[in-house]
C-alpha cells in the first residue's frame, strides 16, 4: 500500500496470501484497501473475492484461518448480544465495509452472550415466529449451551426453537423430569434411573436396556403405565452439526393403548437427554388428548 502511495503501478499479491514460506501480500486485502480506502480503479470484481478465496482453498487444501480479514469465517460474524444490536442498528460500528461488497453476508451466531434482540432477529430470518415466553426459554437454552463453550449455528437454533415451540404448555404438563442417571460400558449392562414428578407426586424407577437410550425410555414407559400405557412407535436421531459435541435432535412418535398417536421432538447436546425429553413431551401430549377426548 505504501509503495502504491509512493507511485508504484504494479502490485504482486496472491489469493489468501499464499506463498512458499511466510506467504505473500493477500490479494483480497490489498484489493479492498485500494478500492475502498483509496478509490483506485483496480479492475477486480470484488463481489467474486470470497468465492475465489474458497475455490483456491479447496484446490490447494490450505485452510483459511477464521480470523483472516475479508475472507475468514469470523470477518462478518457477530455473536448475539449488545454487539449484535449495535451492528444491526448501525453496521459501520463493527463493520468497516458492507459484507456484500466482497460477496459475503452478515452472519449472526448465538452464544453465551446471546440477547433477546439478536436471537429474535435470527429466528425471523429463518421464518420462525415465537411468543415472548417461548423466546425466553430459547434464549436460556442458548445461553446454557454457550456457557459450555458451544457456538450455536442457525441449524442448532432452529432445532432448539422447534423443540420449544412444539411443547405442551407448562401448566398442562402432568409429567416432569426431575433427575436422570444412566450407566453403560463395554462390560456393563446399560441401566437408567429416572425420577419423575407425576401430578405432584415423585416416582423413582430403574430399568435395563440394550443401550442407555433404550434403558431410559423403557424406565419411563414402566413408570407411567398406570397413568397412560404408551409405547415408542418410531425414533429418529439427527446430529444438527458436526463434531462430538453436536446438538442432537430426536423426533419420535408415541402410541397409547387407545390408538392415539402423537409426535414429539427435543434438541439437546446429550442424546439420552434429548430422547428422554422427547418421550416425556410425547406422553404429556397423549395425556392432554385423552383428557380432551
Foldseek 3Di string as FASTA:
>chain_A
DVVVVVPDDDDDEDDLQDDDPPGHHHPLVVVCCCCPVVNDPPVDQQLCNQVVNVVVCVVVVPDRDQPDDLRHVCNQEEEAAPRVVVCVVPVVVRHVDANNSNNDHHHYKYALRHDLVSLVVLCVVVVHDDDPVLSVVLNVQRNVVRVVVDIHHSLNSVLASVQSVPFDPPVLQQKDWDDKDWDDDPPDFIKIWTWIHGNNDIDIDMATDNHNLRRLLVGVQVVCVVPWNKDWDDKDKDFRDDDLQTKIKIKTWMATPVGDIDIHMAIGSDPSVRSNSRSSRNVSVVSVVVVVD
